[in-house]
Amino acid sequence: MAAVAVMIGYIIEQGPFLSHRISLLLLSISAFFMVSGGNVLNDLEDVEIDRKAHATRPLVAGSISEKNARMVFFLSWSAGILSACIASLMVRAFLPLFIVIMATALIVYYEKRLKGMGMPGNLIVGSLTGIPFLLGGSIAGYSPLILTIFLMAFLSNTSREIMKDIQDQDQDIGRRTLPQTIGTRYASFIGLATMFLAVMSSSIPLVFLGWAPAYLIWISVADGVLILSSILLFKNPLWAQRTAKLGMLTAMAVFIIWSII
């Protein structure tokens, strides 16, 4: 999904004519490996918690050793940074490599310091979800549209992270997640408010960029799914965060279609 988001970011900025095919491919590969390595790092950091809460995960189940997992992590991030470096040299711009380095720093800071601290960690993960779109657009500069995509991805995934914390609060031992700090009900309201802001941000292309009113019909489908996820949050956090992911994918599809036509 991160690799596809890079491509979407580029297409939204430049249209369907891929004049930087190799650079775009390299940045998509970079995003794939950076997210892969980040997920491995997450499992390495959470192995003790997963022994109690997620016994089927690879490190806990013994499908892979910690030594081999660390090797996969090192190789993934090495490939990701190298791909971004080559892409930056090809487009003669430091911005793509800078974005990858910044994302790397955010991942490490989250894993080492913010993971168990509630809302700050949720905000970091939310921003990391939007960064692949910025990476794709970095090949040729940014427009208000790509920043809108980033904002909607950031807000909707921040809300989804709150949903996941509510779902996992009984297993998050030793952490201070939002529902553990202020209670499930208040955390749900914050998740709902954040998702509402994400839905509101989807109207920016219509109001400020002059998109046709018909866009509102299509984006309303994605917005409806996102709102539904917020409602489900009060009853079933698991289905709420799955529904939120579906709404985010639907919104991505609408944005890419309307940026082309």
Protein backbone atom coordinates (compact mmCIF):
# COMPACT_ATOMS: atom_id res chain seq x y z
CA MET A 1 0.00 0.00 0.00
CA ALA A 2 2.87 2.40 0.72
CA ALA A 3 4.39 1.74 -2.71
CA VAL A 4 1.03 2.37 -4.37
CA ALA A 5 0.59 5.56 -2.32
CA VAL A 6 3.91 6.86 -3.75
CA MET A 7 2.60 6.25 -7.27
CA ILE A 8 -0.70 7.94 -6.44
CA GLY A 9 1.15 10.96 -5.06
CA TYR A 10 3.09 11.26 -8.29
CA ILE A 11 0.04 10.83 -10.54
CA ILE A 12 -1.92 13.41 -8.54
CA GLU A 13 0.90 15.92 -9.09
CA GLN A 14 1.94 15.03 -12.64
CA GLY A 15 -0.98 13.18 -14.20
CA PRO A 16 -0.91 9.68 -15.75
CA PHE A 17 2.06 10.44 -18.01
CA LEU A 18 5.02 8.90 -16.23
CA SER A 19 7.96 11.04 -17.31
CA HIS A 20 10.06 9.90 -14.34
CA ARG A 21 9.39 6.16 -14.52
CA ILE A 22 12.66 4.90 -13.06
CA SER A 23 12.74 7.45 -10.25
CA LEU A 24 9.11 6.71 -9.39
CA LEU A 25 9.81 2.98 -9.35
CA LEU A 26 12.81 3.49 -7.07
CA LEU A 27 10.81 5.63 -4.63
CA SER A 28 8.00 3.05 -4.60
CA ILE A 29 10.58 0.35 -3.83
CA SER A 30 12.02 2.58 -1.11
CA ALA A 31 8.60 3.01 0.51
CA PHE A 32 7.97 -0.74 0.35
CA PHE A 33 11.25 -1.59 2.08
CA MET A 34 11.03 1.21 4.65
CA VAL A 35 7.54 0.14 5.75
CA SER A 36 8.61 -3.52 5.71
CA GLY A 37 11.59 -2.74 7.91
CA GLY A 38 9.43 -0.61 10.18
CA ASN A 39 7.03 -3.50 10.70
CA VAL A 40 9.91 -5.84 11.53
CA LEU A 41 11.27 -3.29 14.00
CA ASN A 42 7.81 -3.05 15.57
CA ASP A 43 7.68 -6.83 16.08
CA LEU A 44 11.19 -6.85 17.54
CA GLU A 45 10.28 -4.12 20.03
CA ASP A 46 6.98 -5.79 20.99
CA VAL A 47 8.13 -9.40 21.27
CA GLU A 48 7.60 -9.62 25.05
CA ILE A 49 4.13 -8.07 24.86
CA ASP A 50 3.21 -10.32 21.94
CA ARG A 51 4.09 -13.41 23.98
CA LYS A 52 0.99 -12.63 26.06
CA ALA A 53 -1.27 -10.84 23.59
CA HIS A 54 -0.43 -12.16 20.08
CA ALA A 55 0.96 -15.67 20.33
CA THR A 56 0.65 -16.34 16.57
CA ARG A 57 2.99 -13.56 15.44
CA PRO A 58 6.18 -14.84 13.73
CA LEU A 59 8.79 -14.06 16.40
CA VAL A 60 6.64 -15.43 19.21
CA ALA A 61 5.55 -18.49 17.26
CA GLY A 62 9.15 -19.24 16.30
CA SER A 63 8.62 -18.88 12.54
CA ILE A 64 11.70 -16.66 12.43
CA SER A 65 14.47 -16.04 14.94
CA GLU A 66 15.20 -12.60 16.36
CA LYS A 67 18.65 -12.73 14.75
CA ASN A 68 17.18 -13.32 11.30
CA ALA A 69 14.49 -10.71 11.89
CA ARG A 70 17.18 -8.14 12.66
CA MET A 71 18.95 -9.09 9.45
CA VAL A 72 15.71 -8.62 7.48
CA PHE A 73 15.25 -5.24 9.17
CA PHE A 74 18.80 -4.10 8.31
CA LEU A 75 18.56 -5.27 4.68
CA SER A 76 15.11 -3.71 4.22
CA TRP A 77 16.13 -0.27 5.45
CA SER A 78 19.43 -0.42 3.58
CA ALA A 79 17.56 -1.16 0.34
CA GLY A 80 15.01 1.56 1.08
CA ILE A 81 17.56 4.30 1.77
CA LEU A 82 19.75 3.26 -1.17
CA SER A 83 16.75 3.34 -3.55
CA ALA A 84 15.79 6.82 -2.34
CA CYS A 85 19.37 8.02 -2.70
CA ILE A 86 19.57 6.86 -6.32
CA ALA A 87 16.17 8.41 -7.10
CA SER A 88 17.29 11.75 -5.62
CA LEU A 89 20.43 11.69 -7.75
CA MET A 90 18.35 10.96 -10.88
CA VAL A 91 15.96 13.88 -10.34
CA ARG A 92 18.77 16.09 -9.00
CA ALA A 93 16.86 16.93 -5.83
CA PHE A 94 17.57 16.18 -2.18
CA LEU A 95 13.89 16.27 -1.18
CA PRO A 96 13.00 12.59 -1.87
CA LEU A 97 15.96 11.33 0.19
CA PHE A 98 15.23 13.88 2.92
CA ILE A 99 11.63 12.62 3.21
CA VAL A 100 12.83 9.01 3.57
CA ILE A 101 15.41 9.99 6.20
CA MET A 102 12.81 12.03 8.08
CA ALA A 103 10.35 9.12 8.01
CA THR A 104 13.10 6.80 9.29
CA ALA A 105 13.79 9.13 12.21
CA LEU A 106 10.07 9.31 13.04
CA ILE A 107 9.74 5.51 13.02
CA VAL A 108 12.71 5.07 15.37
CA TYR A 109 11.54 7.86 17.68
CA TYR A 110 8.06 6.31 17.80
CA GLU A 111 9.35 2.83 18.55
CA LYS A 112 11.82 3.95 21.21
CA ARG A 113 9.96 6.80 22.91
CA LEU A 114 6.36 7.44 21.84
CA LYS A 115 4.75 4.04 21.28
CA GLY A 116 3.36 3.81 24.77
CA MET A 117 2.50 7.48 25.21
CA GLY A 118 -0.95 7.67 23.65
CA MET A 119 -1.88 10.57 21.40
CA PRO A 120 1.68 11.70 20.48
CA GLY A 121 2.39 8.22 19.14
CA ASN A 122 -0.94 8.15 17.28
CA LEU A 123 -0.06 11.46 15.60
CA ILE A 124 3.34 10.14 14.49
CA VAL A 125 1.81 7.01 12.94
CA GLY A 126 -0.87 9.14 11.29
CA SER A 127 1.76 11.37 9.70
CA LEU A 128 3.75 8.34 8.51
CA THR A 129 0.66 7.16 6.63
CA GLY A 130 0.54 10.39 4.65
CA ILE A 131 4.28 10.62 3.94
CA PRO A 132 4.29 8.16 0.95
CA PHE A 133 1.98 10.56 -0.93
CA LEU A 134 4.43 13.39 -0.29
CA LEU A 135 7.29 11.13 -1.40
CA GLY A 136 5.60 10.52 -4.75
CA GLY A 137 4.93 14.20 -5.26
CA SER A 138 8.48 15.17 -4.28
CA ILE A 139 9.81 14.30 -7.72
CA ALA A 140 8.39 17.53 -9.18
CA GLY A 141 7.07 19.66 -6.30
CA TYR A 142 3.82 20.03 -4.38
CA SER A 143 0.38 21.47 -5.03
CA PRO A 144 -2.48 22.13 -2.57
CA LEU A 145 -4.06 18.87 -3.74
CA ILE A 146 -1.24 16.61 -2.57
CA LEU A 147 -1.20 18.42 0.76
CA THR A 148 -4.93 17.73 1.02
CA ILE A 149 -4.31 14.03 0.44
CA PHE A 150 -1.65 14.08 3.15
CA LEU A 151 -4.00 15.85 5.57
CA MET A 152 -6.84 13.40 5.01
CA ALA A 153 -4.54 10.38 5.31
CA PHE A 154 -2.97 11.83 8.46
CA LEU A 155 -6.28 12.54 10.20
CA SER A 156 -8.10 9.36 9.20
CA ASN A 157 -5.22 7.09 10.18
CA THR A 158 -4.70 8.94 13.47
CA SER A 159 -8.33 8.14 14.23
CA ARG A 160 -7.75 4.52 13.19
CA GLU A 161 -4.75 4.29 15.54
CA ILE A 162 -6.98 5.43 18.41
CA MET A 163 -9.45 2.71 17.40
CA LYS A 164 -6.67 0.11 17.53
CA ASP A 165 -5.61 1.33 20.99
CA ILE A 166 -9.18 0.94 22.21
CA GLN A 167 -9.30 -2.57 20.74
CA ASP A 168 -5.96 -3.58 22.34
CA GLN A 169 -6.17 -1.74 25.65
CA ASP A 170 -6.39 -4.93 27.72
CA GLN A 171 -3.19 -6.27 26.11
CA ASP A 172 -1.20 -3.00 26.10
CA ILE A 173 0.55 -3.73 29.38
CA GLY A 174 2.95 -1.06 30.59
CA ARG A 175 1.76 1.60 28.15
CA ARG A 176 -0.19 4.83 28.55
CA THR A 177 -2.41 4.77 25.50
CA LEU A 178 -5.27 7.23 25.12
CA PRO A 179 -8.07 4.88 26.28
CA GLN A 180 -5.95 3.79 29.25
CA THR A 181 -5.32 7.41 30.22
CA ILE A 182 -8.74 9.04 29.75
CA GLY A 183 -11.04 6.05 29.38
CA THR A 184 -12.62 4.28 26.42
CA ARG A 185 -15.59 6.64 26.07
CA TYR A 186 -13.56 9.86 25.89
CA ALA A 187 -10.97 8.23 23.63
CA SER A 188 -13.82 7.19 21.32
CA PHE A 189 -15.04 10.78 21.13
CA ILE A 190 -11.54 11.97 20.21
CA GLY A 191 -11.37 9.28 17.54
CA LEU A 192 -14.75 10.40 16.24
CA ALA A 193 -13.71 14.07 16.17
CA THR A 194 -10.46 13.28 14.35
CA MET A 195 -12.30 11.25 11.73
CA PHE A 196 -14.82 14.07 11.33
CA LEU A 197 -11.94 16.46 10.56
CA ALA A 198 -10.66 13.96 7.97
CA VAL A 199 -14.09 13.90 6.32
CA MET A 200 -14.23 17.70 6.34
CA SER A 201 -10.79 17.91 4.69
CA SER A 202 -12.06 15.85 1.75
CA SER A 203 -14.12 18.88 0.63
CA ILE A 204 -11.02 21.06 0.08
CA PRO A 205 -10.66 20.18 -3.65
CA LEU A 206 -14.28 21.22 -4.23
CA VAL A 207 -14.12 24.46 -2.25
CA PHE A 208 -10.59 25.71 -3.00
CA LEU A 209 -9.39 23.87 -6.13
CA GLY A 210 -12.48 24.19 -8.29
CA TRP A 211 -13.27 20.54 -8.77
CA ALA A 212 -16.68 19.78 -10.27
CA PRO A 213 -19.63 19.29 -7.86
CA ALA A 214 -19.90 15.68 -9.09
CA TYR A 215 -16.72 15.00 -7.08
CA LEU A 216 -18.76 15.50 -3.94
CA ILE A 217 -21.00 12.56 -4.88
CA TRP A 218 -18.07 10.20 -5.23
CA ILE A 219 -16.14 11.34 -2.18
CA SER A 220 -19.34 11.11 -0.12
CA VAL A 221 -19.15 7.33 -0.51
CA ALA A 222 -15.70 7.27 1.12
CA ASP A 223 -16.79 9.81 3.73
CA GLY A 224 -19.84 7.70 4.56
CA VAL A 225 -17.66 4.65 5.19
CA LEU A 226 -15.31 6.70 7.40
CA ILE A 227 -18.23 8.08 9.41
CA LEU A 228 -19.60 4.56 9.78
CA SER A 229 -16.25 3.46 11.22
CA SER A 230 -16.52 6.20 13.85
CA ILE A 231 -19.99 5.06 14.83
CA LEU A 232 -18.82 1.45 15.08
CA LEU A 233 -16.05 2.60 17.40
CA PHE A 234 -18.49 2.84 20.31
CA LYS A 235 -19.62 -0.78 19.83
CA ASN A 236 -16.94 -2.78 18.05
CA PRO A 237 -13.41 -1.25 17.80
CA LEU A 238 -12.14 -4.14 15.65
CA TRP A 239 -14.74 -3.59 12.95
CA ALA A 240 -14.36 0.16 13.33
CA GLN A 241 -10.67 0.15 12.38
CA ARG A 242 -11.25 -2.33 9.52
CA THR A 243 -14.06 -0.15 8.18
CA ALA A 244 -11.80 2.91 8.48
CA LYS A 245 -9.18 1.18 6.31
CA LEU A 246 -11.85 0.50 3.66
CA GLY A 247 -12.91 4.16 3.76
CA MET A 248 -9.31 5.32 3.34
CA LEU A 249 -8.81 3.04 0.32
CA THR A 250 -12.05 4.30 -1.22
CA ALA A 251 -10.95 7.92 -0.75
CA MET A 252 -7.59 7.15 -2.39
CA ALA A 253 -9.39 5.71 -5.41
CA VAL A 254 -11.63 8.78 -5.74
CA PHE A 255 -8.69 11.19 -5.50
CA ILE A 256 -6.66 9.42 -8.15
CA ILE A 257 -9.62 9.18 -10.57
CA TRP A 258 -10.47 12.87 -10.20
CA SER A 259 -6.87 13.98 -10.53
CA ILE A 260 -6.68 12.24 -13.92
CA ILE A 261 -10.02 13.14 -15.53
